[in-house]
C-alpha atoms as a PDB file:
ATOM      1  CA  UNK A   1      10.321  14.592  61.245  1.00  0.00           C
ATOM      2  CA  UNK A   2       6.584  15.209  60.997  1.00  0.00           C
ATOM      3  CA  UNK A   3       5.168  12.544  58.682  1.00  0.00           C
ATOM      4  CA  UNK A   4       1.437  12.930  59.220  1.00  0.00           C
ATOM      5  CA  UNK A   5      -0.909  15.540  60.604  1.00  0.00           C
ATOM      6  CA  UNK A   6      -1.403  15.787  64.312  1.00  0.00           C
ATOM      7  CA  UNK A   7      -4.913  16.286  63.061  1.00  0.00           C
ATOM      8  CA  UNK A   8      -6.734  17.076  66.235  1.00  0.00           C
ATOM      9  CA  UNK A   9      -5.312  19.581  68.649  1.00  0.00           C
ATOM     10  CA  UNK A  10      -5.483  18.797  72.333  1.00  0.00           C
ATOM     11  CA  UNK A  11      -8.821  19.972  73.604  1.00  0.00           C
ATOM     12  CA  UNK A  12      -8.432  22.590  76.283  1.00  0.00           C
ATOM     13  CA  UNK A  13     -10.790  24.026  78.823  1.00  0.00           C
ATOM     14  CA  UNK A  14      -9.029  27.316  78.054  1.00  0.00           C
ATOM     15  CA  UNK A  15     -10.703  27.556  74.662  1.00  0.00           C
ATOM     16  CA  UNK A  16     -12.620  30.821  74.612  1.00  0.00           C
ATOM     17  CA  UNK A  17     -16.122  31.753  73.525  1.00  0.00           C
ATOM     18  CA  UNK A  18     -16.162  35.309  74.832  1.00  0.00           C
ATOM     19  CA  UNK A  19     -13.994  38.191  75.999  1.00  0.00           C
ATOM     20  CA  UNK A  20     -14.280  40.265  72.839  1.00  0.00           C
ATOM     21  CA  UNK A  21     -17.508  41.792  74.169  1.00  0.00           C
ATOM     22  CA  UNK A  22     -19.654  42.781  71.149  1.00  0.00           C
ATOM     23  CA  UNK A  23     -16.946  44.332  68.971  1.00  0.00           C
ATOM     24  CA  UNK A  24     -14.664  42.996  66.276  1.00  0.00           C
ATOM     25  CA  UNK A  25     -11.218  44.604  66.135  1.00  0.00           C
ATOM     26  CA  UNK A  26     -11.435  47.859  64.193  1.00  0.00           C
ATOM     27  CA  UNK A  27      -9.116  49.889  61.995  1.00  0.00           C
ATOM     28  CA  UNK A  28      -6.617  51.868  64.041  1.00  0.00           C
ATOM     29  CA  UNK A  29      -7.130  50.023  67.320  1.00  0.00           C
ATOM     30  CA  UNK A  30      -3.939  47.967  67.385  1.00  0.00           C
ATOM     31  CA  UNK A  31      -1.464  50.725  66.366  1.00  0.00           C
ATOM     32  CA  UNK A  32      -2.990  53.228  68.809  1.00  0.00           C
ATOM     33  CA  UNK A  33      -3.163  50.705  71.613  1.00  0.00           C
ATOM     34  CA  UNK A  34       0.430  49.631  70.983  1.00  0.00           C
ATOM     35  CA  UNK A  35       1.604  53.243  71.285  1.00  0.00           C
ATOM     36  CA  UNK A  36      -0.189  53.540  74.628  1.00  0.00           C
ATOM     37  CA  UNK A  37       1.206  50.185  75.755  1.00  0.00           C
ATOM     38  CA  UNK A  38       4.853  51.111  75.193  1.00  0.00           C
ATOM     39  CA  UNK A  39       4.603  54.738  76.306  1.00  0.00           C
ATOM     40  CA  UNK A  40       2.451  54.236  79.417  1.00  0.00           C
ATOM     41  CA  UNK A  41       2.117  50.506  80.114  1.00  0.00           C
ATOM     42  CA  UNK A  42       0.290  50.919  83.432  1.00  0.00           C
ATOM     43  CA  UNK A  43      -2.420  52.989  81.767  1.00  0.00           C
ATOM     44  CA  UNK A  44      -3.717  50.186  79.529  1.00  0.00           C
ATOM     45  CA  UNK A  45      -5.559  48.770  82.548  1.00  0.00           C
ATOM     46  CA  UNK A  46      -7.216  52.135  83.210  1.00  0.00           C
ATOM     47  CA  UNK A  47     -10.445  52.456  81.257  1.00  0.00           C
ATOM     48  CA  UNK A  48     -10.377  56.260  81.123  1.00  0.00           C
ATOM     49  CA  UNK A  49      -6.805  56.318  79.780  1.00  0.00           C
ATOM     50  CA  UNK A  50      -7.639  53.858  77.005  1.00  0.00           C
ATOM     51  CA  UNK A  51     -10.818  55.743  76.114  1.00  0.00           C
ATOM     52  CA  UNK A  52      -8.957  59.024  75.665  1.00  0.00           C
ATOM     53  CA  UNK A  53      -5.948  57.547  73.847  1.00  0.00           C
ATOM     54  CA  UNK A  54      -8.023  55.623  71.321  1.00  0.00           C
ATOM     55  CA  UNK A  55     -11.057  57.878  71.137  1.00  0.00           C
ATOM     56  CA  UNK A  56     -13.480  55.092  71.970  1.00  0.00           C
ATOM     57  CA  UNK A  57     -16.404  54.523  74.315  1.00  0.00           C
ATOM     58  CA  UNK A  58     -16.137  52.802  77.657  1.00  0.00           C
ATOM     59  CA  UNK A  59     -17.985  49.761  76.321  1.00  0.00           C
ATOM     60  CA  UNK A  60     -15.153  49.139  73.824  1.00  0.00           C
ATOM     61  CA  UNK A  61     -12.217  49.193  76.246  1.00  0.00           C
ATOM     62  CA  UNK A  62     -12.361  45.532  77.271  1.00  0.00           C
ATOM     63  CA  UNK A  63     -12.661  44.580  73.623  1.00  0.00           C
ATOM     64  CA  UNK A  64      -9.511  46.505  72.652  1.00  0.00           C
ATOM     65  CA  UNK A  65      -7.505  44.804  75.386  1.00  0.00           C
ATOM     66  CA  UNK A  66      -8.884  41.431  74.337  1.00  0.00           C
ATOM     67  CA  UNK A  67      -7.826  41.848  70.696  1.00  0.00           C
ATOM     68  CA  UNK A  68      -4.352  43.094  71.640  1.00  0.00           C
ATOM     69  CA  UNK A  69      -3.809  39.846  73.526  1.00  0.00           C
ATOM     70  CA  UNK A  70      -5.586  37.623  71.000  1.00  0.00           C
ATOM     71  CA  UNK A  71      -3.416  38.910  68.139  1.00  0.00           C
ATOM     72  CA  UNK A  72      -0.277  38.324  70.200  1.00  0.00           C
ATOM     73  CA  UNK A  73       0.640  41.993  70.473  1.00  0.00           C
ATOM     74  CA  UNK A  74       0.405  42.348  74.273  1.00  0.00           C
ATOM     75  CA  UNK A  75       1.360  40.174  77.225  1.00  0.00           C
ATOM     76  CA  UNK A  76      -0.981  41.068  80.089  1.00  0.00           C
ATOM     77  CA  UNK A  77      -0.113  38.529  82.746  1.00  0.00           C
ATOM     78  CA  UNK A  78      -1.979  39.292  85.995  1.00  0.00           C
ATOM     79  CA  UNK A  79       1.162  39.465  88.163  1.00  0.00           C
ATOM     80  CA  UNK A  80       3.220  41.725  85.892  1.00  0.00           C
ATOM     81  CA  UNK A  81       2.949  45.056  84.130  1.00  0.00           C
ATOM     82  CA  UNK A  82       1.398  44.828  80.648  1.00  0.00           C
ATOM     83  CA  UNK A  83       4.094  44.734  77.955  1.00  0.00           C
ATOM     84  CA  UNK A  84       4.471  44.457  74.209  1.00  0.00           C
ATOM     85  CA  UNK A  85       5.424  41.017  72.916  1.00  0.00           C
ATOM     86  CA  UNK A  86       8.396  40.437  70.629  1.00  0.00           C
ATOM     87  CA  UNK A  87       5.951  40.067  67.759  1.00  0.00           C
ATOM     88  CA  UNK A  88       4.174  43.288  68.724  1.00  0.00           C
ATOM     89  CA  UNK A  89       7.452  45.207  68.714  1.00  0.00           C
ATOM     90  CA  UNK A  90       8.570  43.619  65.437  1.00  0.00           C
ATOM     91  CA  UNK A  91       5.335  44.601  63.731  1.00  0.00           C
ATOM     92  CA  UNK A  92       4.130  47.844  65.313  1.00  0.00           C
ATOM     93  CA  UNK A  93       7.106  49.710  66.772  1.00  0.00           C
ATOM     94  CA  UNK A  94       6.986  53.249  65.280  1.00  0.00           C
ATOM     95  CA  UNK A  95      10.779  53.412  65.002  1.00  0.00           C
ATOM     96  CA  UNK A  96      11.757  50.162  63.334  1.00  0.00           C
ATOM     97  CA  UNK A  97       8.605  48.056  63.189  1.00  0.00           C
ATOM     98  CA  UNK A  98       7.781  46.217  59.993  1.00  0.00           C
ATOM     99  CA  UNK A  99       4.374  47.890  59.556  1.00  0.00           C
ATOM    100  CA  UNK A 100       3.474  50.300  62.401  1.00  0.00           C
ATOM    101  CA  UNK A 101       0.157  51.382  60.848  1.00  0.00           C
ATOM    102  CA  UNK A 102      -0.906  48.040  59.343  1.00  0.00           C
ATOM    103  CA  UNK A 103      -0.799  49.383  55.796  1.00  0.00           C
ATOM    104  CA  UNK A 104       0.526  46.132  54.283  1.00  0.00           C
ATOM    105  CA  UNK A 105      -1.960  43.326  53.694  1.00  0.00           C
ATOM    106  CA  UNK A 106       0.833  40.894  54.605  1.00  0.00           C
ATOM    107  CA  UNK A 107       0.574  42.093  58.198  1.00  0.00           C
ATOM    108  CA  UNK A 108      -3.113  41.185  58.177  1.00  0.00           C
ATOM    109  CA  UNK A 109      -2.300  37.645  57.007  1.00  0.00           C
ATOM    110  CA  UNK A 110       0.136  37.284  59.923  1.00  0.00           C
ATOM    111  CA  UNK A 111      -2.451  38.599  62.380  1.00  0.00           C
ATOM    112  CA  UNK A 112      -5.071  36.245  60.942  1.00  0.00           C
ATOM    113  CA  UNK A 113      -2.782  33.238  61.342  1.00  0.00           C
ATOM    114  CA  UNK A 114      -2.001  34.115  64.961  1.00  0.00           C
ATOM    115  CA  UNK A 115      -5.652  34.724  65.787  1.00  0.00           C
ATOM    116  CA  UNK A 116      -6.822  31.432  64.267  1.00  0.00           C
ATOM    117  CA  UNK A 117      -3.934  29.300  65.503  1.00  0.00           C
ATOM    118  CA  UNK A 118      -2.864  30.591  68.904  1.00  0.00           C
ATOM    119  CA  UNK A 119      -5.683  32.645  70.467  1.00  0.00           C
ATOM    120  CA  UNK A 120      -7.783  29.577  71.399  1.00  0.00           C
ATOM    121  CA  UNK A 121     -11.005  31.074  70.065  1.00  0.00           C
ATOM    122  CA  UNK A 122     -13.631  28.397  69.566  1.00  0.00           C
ATOM    123  CA  UNK A 123     -15.360  29.795  66.463  1.00  0.00           C
ATOM    124  CA  UNK A 124     -12.022  30.290  64.693  1.00  0.00           C
ATOM    125  CA  UNK A 125     -10.818  26.771  65.458  1.00  0.00           C
ATOM    126  CA  UNK A 126     -14.114  25.201  64.408  1.00  0.00           C
ATOM    127  CA  UNK A 127     -14.443  27.237  61.208  1.00  0.00           C
ATOM    128  CA  UNK A 128     -10.874  26.952  59.933  1.00  0.00           C
ATOM    129  CA  UNK A 129      -9.780  23.559  61.266  1.00  0.00           C
ATOM    130  CA  UNK A 130     -12.899  21.426  61.576  1.00  0.00           C
ATOM    131  CA  UNK A 131     -15.174  22.441  58.692  1.00  0.00           C
ATOM    132  CA  UNK A 132     -14.062  21.069  55.311  1.00  0.00           C
ATOM    133  CA  UNK A 133     -17.071  22.445  53.430  1.00  0.00           C
ATOM    134  CA  UNK A 134     -16.650  25.514  51.279  1.00  0.00           C
ATOM    135  CA  UNK A 135     -20.164  26.665  52.148  1.00  0.00           C
ATOM    136  CA  UNK A 136     -22.160  26.330  55.349  1.00  0.00           C
ATOM    137  CA  UNK A 137     -25.295  27.979  56.670  1.00  0.00           C
ATOM    138  CA  UNK A 138     -24.859  30.275  59.650  1.00  0.00           C
ATOM    139  CA  UNK A 139     -27.186  28.118  61.755  1.00  0.00           C
ATOM    140  CA  UNK A 140     -24.985  25.075  61.100  1.00  0.00           C
ATOM    141  CA  UNK A 141     -21.886  26.981  62.223  1.00  0.00           C
ATOM    142  CA  UNK A 142     -23.761  27.963  65.370  1.00  0.00           C
ATOM    143  CA  UNK A 143     -24.573  24.297  65.967  1.00  0.00           C
ATOM    144  CA  UNK A 144     -20.930  23.255  65.467  1.00  0.00           C
ATOM    145  CA  UNK A 145     -19.674  25.873  67.933  1.00  0.00           C
ATOM    146  CA  UNK A 146     -22.388  24.880  70.414  1.00  0.00           C
ATOM    147  CA  UNK A 147     -21.256  21.264  70.047  1.00  0.00           C
ATOM    148  CA  UNK A 148     -17.681  22.341  70.784  1.00  0.00           C
ATOM    149  CA  UNK A 149     -18.875  23.987  73.999  1.00  0.00           C
ATOM    150  CA  UNK A 150     -20.606  20.738  74.935  1.00  0.00           C
ATOM    151  CA  UNK A 151     -17.465  18.707  74.274  1.00  0.00           C
ATOM    152  CA  UNK A 152     -15.591  20.999  76.635  1.00  0.00           C
ATOM    153  CA  UNK A 153     -18.413  20.771  79.193  1.00  0.00           C
ATOM    154  CA  UNK A 154     -18.936  24.506  79.032  1.00  0.00           C
ATOM    155  CA  UNK A 155     -22.425  25.649  80.012  1.00  0.00           C
ATOM    156  CA  UNK A 156     -22.974  28.649  77.768  1.00  0.00           C
ATOM    157  CA  UNK A 157     -26.147  30.467  76.844  1.00  0.00           C
ATOM    158  CA  UNK A 158     -27.416  30.550  73.282  1.00  0.00           C
ATOM    159  CA  UNK A 159     -26.803  34.313  73.213  1.00  0.00           C
ATOM    160  CA  UNK A 160     -23.128  33.831  74.139  1.00  0.00           C
ATOM    161  CA  UNK A 161     -22.648  31.320  71.325  1.00  0.00           C
ATOM    162  CA  UNK A 162     -24.495  33.561  68.881  1.00  0.00           C
ATOM    163  CA  UNK A 163     -22.439  36.628  69.776  1.00  0.00           C
ATOM    164  CA  UNK A 164     -19.196  34.667  69.451  1.00  0.00           C
ATOM    165  CA  UNK A 165     -20.117  33.468  65.956  1.00  0.00           C
ATOM    166  CA  UNK A 166     -21.330  36.947  64.985  1.00  0.00           C
ATOM    167  CA  UNK A 167     -17.999  38.470  66.020  1.00  0.00           C
ATOM    168  CA  UNK A 168     -16.097  35.796  64.111  1.00  0.00           C
ATOM    169  CA  UNK A 169     -18.038  36.528  60.932  1.00  0.00           C
ATOM    170  CA  UNK A 170     -17.822  40.309  61.310  1.00  0.00           C
ATOM    171  CA  UNK A 171     -14.027  40.020  61.510  1.00  0.00           C
ATOM    172  CA  UNK A 172     -13.866  38.566  57.997  1.00  0.00           C
ATOM    173  CA  UNK A 173     -17.024  39.525  56.102  1.00  0.00           C
ATOM    174  CA  UNK A 174     -19.028  42.701  55.698  1.00  0.00           C
ATOM    175  CA  UNK A 175     -22.305  42.113  57.516  1.00  0.00           C
ATOM    176  CA  UNK A 176     -25.589  41.990  55.641  1.00  0.00           C
ATOM    177  CA  UNK A 177     -26.729  44.961  57.689  1.00  0.00           C
ATOM    178  CA  UNK A 178     -30.083  46.699  57.246  1.00  0.00           C
ATOM    179  CA  UNK A 179     -30.112  50.112  55.593  1.00  0.00           C
ATOM    180  CA  UNK A 180     -30.890  51.635  58.981  1.00  0.00           C
ATOM    181  CA  UNK A 181     -27.565  50.487  60.452  1.00  0.00           C
ATOM    182  CA  UNK A 182     -25.436  53.284  61.916  1.00  0.00           C
ATOM    183  CA  UNK A 183     -22.011  54.215  60.556  1.00  0.00           C
ATOM    184  CA  UNK A 184     -20.453  52.842  63.758  1.00  0.00           C
ATOM    185  CA  UNK A 185     -22.146  49.481  63.235  1.00  0.00           C
ATOM    186  CA  UNK A 186     -20.890  49.239  59.661  1.00  0.00           C
ATOM    187  CA  UNK A 187     -17.225  49.975  60.427  1.00  0.00           C
ATOM    188  CA  UNK A 188     -15.198  47.001  59.308  1.00  0.00           C
ATOM    189  CA  UNK A 189     -12.399  44.915  60.729  1.00  0.00           C
ATOM    190  CA  UNK A 190      -9.059  45.040  58.851  1.00  0.00           C
ATOM    191  CA  UNK A 191      -9.191  41.259  58.320  1.00  0.00           C
ATOM    192  CA  UNK A 192     -12.077  41.790  55.910  1.00  0.00           C
ATOM    193  CA  UNK A 193      -9.445  42.894  53.381  1.00  0.00           C
ATOM    194  CA  UNK A 194      -8.243  39.283  53.122  1.00  0.00           C
ATOM    195  CA  UNK A 195     -11.453  38.142  51.443  1.00  0.00           C
ATOM    196  CA  UNK A 196     -11.524  34.797  53.269  1.00  0.00           C
ATOM    197  CA  UNK A 197     -15.265  34.756  53.955  1.00  0.00           C
ATOM    198  CA  UNK A 198     -18.342  35.999  52.112  1.00  0.00           C
ATOM    199  CA  UNK A 199     -21.916  36.175  53.372  1.00  0.00           C
ATOM    200  CA  UNK A 200     -24.858  35.557  51.035  1.00  0.00           C
ATOM    201  CA  UNK A 201     -28.543  35.830  51.952  1.00  0.00           C
ATOM    202  CA  UNK A 202     -30.203  32.434  52.385  1.00  0.00           C
ATOM    203  CA  UNK A 203     -33.841  33.041  53.179  1.00  0.00           C
ATOM    204  CA  UNK A 204     -35.398  35.384  55.693  1.00  0.00           C
ATOM    205  CA  UNK A 205     -33.599  34.075  58.755  1.00  0.00           C
ATOM    206  CA  UNK A 206     -30.281  32.688  57.604  1.00  0.00           C
ATOM    207  CA  UNK A 207     -27.106  33.395  55.666  1.00  0.00           C
ATOM    208  CA  UNK A 208     -24.795  31.245  53.612  1.00  0.00           C
ATOM    209  CA  UNK A 209     -21.170  31.456  54.713  1.00  0.00           C
ATOM    210  CA  UNK A 210     -18.731  30.998  51.823  1.00  0.00           C
ATOM    211  CA  UNK A 211     -15.140  30.117  52.730  1.00  0.00           C
ATOM    212  CA  UNK A 212     -13.119  31.458  49.813  1.00  0.00           C
ATOM    213  CA  UNK A 213     -10.040  29.472  48.752  1.00  0.00           C
ATOM    214  CA  UNK A 214      -6.674  30.627  47.410  1.00  0.00           C
ATOM    215  CA  UNK A 215      -4.397  31.197  45.619  1.00  0.00           C
ATOM    216  CA  UNK A 216      -4.127  34.718  47.014  1.00  0.00           C
ATOM    217  CA  UNK A 217      -2.472  37.335  44.776  1.00  0.00           C
ATOM    218  CA  UNK A 218      -1.872  39.599  47.801  1.00  0.00           C
ATOM    219  CA  UNK A 219      -0.067  36.928  49.854  1.00  0.00           C
ATOM    220  CA  UNK A 220       3.642  37.532  49.255  1.00  0.00           C
ATOM    221  CA  UNK A 221       6.334  34.815  49.518  1.00  0.00           C
ATOM    222  CA  UNK A 222       7.924  36.730  52.405  1.00  0.00           C
ATOM    223  CA  UNK A 223       4.681  36.780  54.387  1.00  0.00           C
ATOM    224  CA  UNK A 224       4.028  33.124  53.673  1.00  0.00           C
ATOM    225  CA  UNK A 225       7.552  32.228  54.811  1.00  0.00           C
ATOM    226  CA  UNK A 226       6.907  33.956  58.140  1.00  0.00           C
ATOM    227  CA  UNK A 227       3.620  32.090  58.587  1.00  0.00           C
ATOM    228  CA  UNK A 228       5.314  28.811  57.683  1.00  0.00           C
ATOM    229  CA  UNK A 229       8.009  29.330  60.313  1.00  0.00           C
ATOM    230  CA  UNK A 230       5.434  30.421  62.896  1.00  0.00           C
ATOM    231  CA  UNK A 231       3.500  27.204  62.252  1.00  0.00           C
ATOM    232  CA  UNK A 232       6.695  25.154  62.404  1.00  0.00           C
ATOM    233  CA  UNK A 233       7.656  26.649  65.746  1.00  0.00           C
ATOM    234  CA  UNK A 234       4.174  26.079  67.142  1.00  0.00           C
ATOM    235  CA  UNK A 235       3.592  22.523  65.979  1.00  0.00           C
ATOM    236  CA  UNK A 236       6.968  20.902  65.237  1.00  0.00           C
ATOM    237  CA  UNK A 237       9.725  22.934  66.939  1.00  0.00           C
ATOM    238  CA  UNK A 238      12.104  19.965  67.254  1.00  0.00           C
ATOM    239  CA  UNK A 239      11.714  18.643  63.697  1.00  0.00           C
ATOM    240  CA  UNK A 240      13.934  19.493  60.751  1.00  0.00           C
ATOM    241  CA  UNK A 241      11.492  18.158  58.134  1.00  0.00           C
ATOM    242  CA  UNK A 242       7.749  18.636  57.618  1.00  0.00           C
ATOM    243  CA  UNK A 243       5.881  16.871  54.818  1.00  0.00           C
ATOM    244  CA  UNK A 244       3.505  18.644  52.473  1.00  0.00           C
ATOM    245  CA  UNK A 245       0.480  16.682  53.682  1.00  0.00           C
ATOM    246  CA  UNK A 246       1.005  17.993  57.200  1.00  0.00           C
ATOM    247  CA  UNK A 247       1.295  21.566  55.964  1.00  0.00           C
ATOM    248  CA  UNK A 248      -1.964  21.049  54.127  1.00  0.00           C
ATOM    249  CA  UNK A 249      -4.160  19.418  56.784  1.00  0.00           C
ATOM    250  CA  UNK A 250      -2.660  19.757  60.282  1.00  0.00           C
ATOM    251  CA  UNK A 251      -4.270  21.910  62.951  1.00  0.00           C
ATOM    252  CA  UNK A 252      -3.018  25.513  62.506  1.00  0.00           C
ATOM    253  CA  UNK A 253      -1.362  24.529  59.219  1.00  0.00           C
ATOM    254  CA  UNK A 254      -0.871  27.081  56.441  1.00  0.00           C
ATOM    255  CA  UNK A 255      -3.097  24.970  54.205  1.00  0.00           C
ATOM    256  CA  UNK A 256      -6.110  25.216  56.501  1.00  0.00           C
ATOM    257  CA  UNK A 257      -5.498  28.672  57.944  1.00  0.00           C
ATOM    258  CA  UNK A 258      -4.979  30.242  54.520  1.00  0.00           C
ATOM    259  CA  UNK A 259      -7.532  28.021  52.722  1.00  0.00           C
ATOM    260  CA  UNK A 260      -5.068  26.637  50.169  1.00  0.00           C
ATOM    261  CA  UNK A 261      -5.265  23.588  47.934  1.00  0.00           C
ATOM    262  CA  UNK A 262      -2.219  21.388  47.385  1.00  0.00           C
ATOM    263  CA  UNK A 263      -1.119  23.083  44.166  1.00  0.00           C
ATOM    264  CA  UNK A 264      -1.337  26.591  45.615  1.00  0.00           C
ATOM    265  CA  UNK A 265       0.470  25.512  48.772  1.00  0.00           C
ATOM    266  CA  UNK A 266       3.328  23.907  46.863  1.00  0.00           C
ATOM    267  CA  UNK A 267       3.764  26.984  44.689  1.00  0.00           C
ATOM    268  CA  UNK A 268       3.943  29.183  47.785  1.00  0.00           C
ATOM    269  CA  UNK A 269       6.516  26.831  49.285  1.00  0.00           C
ATOM    270  CA  UNK A 270       8.628  27.113  46.134  1.00  0.00           C
ATOM    271  CA  UNK A 271       8.394  30.895  46.278  1.00  0.00           C
ATOM    272  CA  UNK A 272       9.228  30.880  50.001  1.00  0.00           C
ATOM    273  CA  UNK A 273      12.304  28.733  49.351  1.00  0.00           C
ATOM    274  CA  UNK A 274      13.471  31.271  46.782  1.00  0.00           C
ATOM    275  CA  UNK A 275      13.263  34.227  49.205  1.00  0.00           C
ATOM    276  CA  UNK A 276      14.382  32.372  52.339  1.00  0.00           C
ATOM    277  CA  UNK A 277      18.106  32.975  51.915  1.00  0.00           C
ATOM    278  CA  UNK A 278      18.651  29.211  52.045  1.00  0.00           C
ATOM    279  CA  UNK A 279      16.840  28.968  55.398  1.00  0.00           C
ATOM    280  CA  UNK A 280      14.894  26.024  53.982  1.00  0.00           C
ATOM    281  CA  UNK A 281      14.799  23.746  50.967  1.00  0.00           C
ATOM    282  CA  UNK A 282      12.175  21.577  49.316  1.00  0.00           C
ATOM    283  CA  UNK A 283      12.411  17.886  48.484  1.00  0.00           C
ATOM    284  CA  UNK A 284      10.174  16.670  45.673  1.00  0.00           C
ATOM    285  CA  UNK A 285      10.468  12.904  45.854  1.00  0.00           C
ATOM    286  CA  UNK A 286       8.415  10.285  44.076  1.00  0.00           C
ATOM    287  CA  UNK A 287       6.488   9.320  47.203  1.00  0.00           C
ATOM    288  CA  UNK A 288       6.407  12.569  49.117  1.00  0.00           C
ATOM    289  CA  UNK A 289       7.065  16.281  49.058  1.00  0.00           C
ATOM    290  CA  UNK A 290       8.585  17.918  52.108  1.00  0.00           C
ATOM    291  CA  UNK A 291      10.259  21.041  53.481  1.00  0.00           C
ATOM    292  CA  UNK A 292      13.654  20.747  55.182  1.00  0.00           C
ATOM    293  CA  UNK A 293      15.004  23.319  57.628  1.00  0.00           C
ATOM    294  CA  UNK A 294      18.632  24.267  56.947  1.00  0.00           C
ATOM    295  CA  UNK A 295      19.163  25.744  60.415  1.00  0.00           C
ATOM    296  CA  UNK A 296      19.615  24.091  63.791  1.00  0.00           C
ATOM    297  CA  UNK A 297      16.134  25.172  64.858  1.00  0.00           C
ATOM    298  CA  UNK A 298      13.210  27.341  63.800  1.00  0.00           C
ATOM    299  CA  UNK A 299      14.255  30.267  65.992  1.00  0.00           C
ATOM    300  CA  UNK A 300      17.574  30.423  64.110  1.00  0.00           C
ATOM    301  CA  UNK A 301      15.759  30.360  60.778  1.00  0.00           C
ATOM    302  CA  UNK A 302      13.535  33.207  61.903  1.00  0.00           C
ATOM    303  CA  UNK A 303      16.513  35.250  63.044  1.00  0.00           C
ATOM    304  CA  UNK A 304      18.180  34.694  59.681  1.00  0.00           C
ATOM    305  CA  UNK A 305      15.266  36.319  57.849  1.00  0.00           C
ATOM    306  CA  UNK A 306      14.841  39.110  60.396  1.00  0.00           C
ATOM    307  CA  UNK A 307      11.649  37.761  61.976  1.00  0.00           C
ATOM    308  CA  UNK A 308      10.733  36.933  65.577  1.00  0.00           C
END
């Protein structure tokens, strides 16, 4: 049973500050790339093939491959042929996938959780799991990410740190772009639909980053239940009980990843219990609130609700 947050995740030299090149993931990239991946898996490593299939420039190809892996859609192990993951098939398969064209905002919440919690991206981990403030200046976020690089003994240039933070922000907030910006530069990332981050001018050379908090009207109980079970499998796969405080403050927790306060989180847990088909139940004791798994393990609970 998880009684208290495993507050700090194990620091890893694998934490990433680059790889996305200079592009946030764009509308249409994941569904098109998935189709190429399952129809011609060998071709996803061929720049020309990806360019033609997705209608993108050569400078975007590495970025597309990066996001497919970061979102958990593709497994591209060096010694094997690239392949769709179980999650990728569950979500994007044209025949029986849950949302092949990413038309449901619930799919974006799932992708956001996986990106923040499992992709090992430094700016995401710092912003969602280490910054309690609701507002922070861009330059302070840059400093926090630079400090993270120092803690990991990574010698990175200021431009690498800046680009990493810029990509993080452009995934979630419309940039404060000049009027001269091209249409291509202004194209948004689907995660902007979540409304998690806003940018506000703060003087000539800075911006205020606002981390918006829930409750979220467009976060359904079914989507939240999937995120809850994903978190459970990641952080406490051998436990049958997780307390509310852990779900609120642990690394990769729904509370931090979805920016929820205790009241909003508990209401979502109640709604998730209702739609879970008895996969879980809540205990609301005098001294603690907790969630109890009614299956032998999390994988069984996921299978019971038709999730992977």
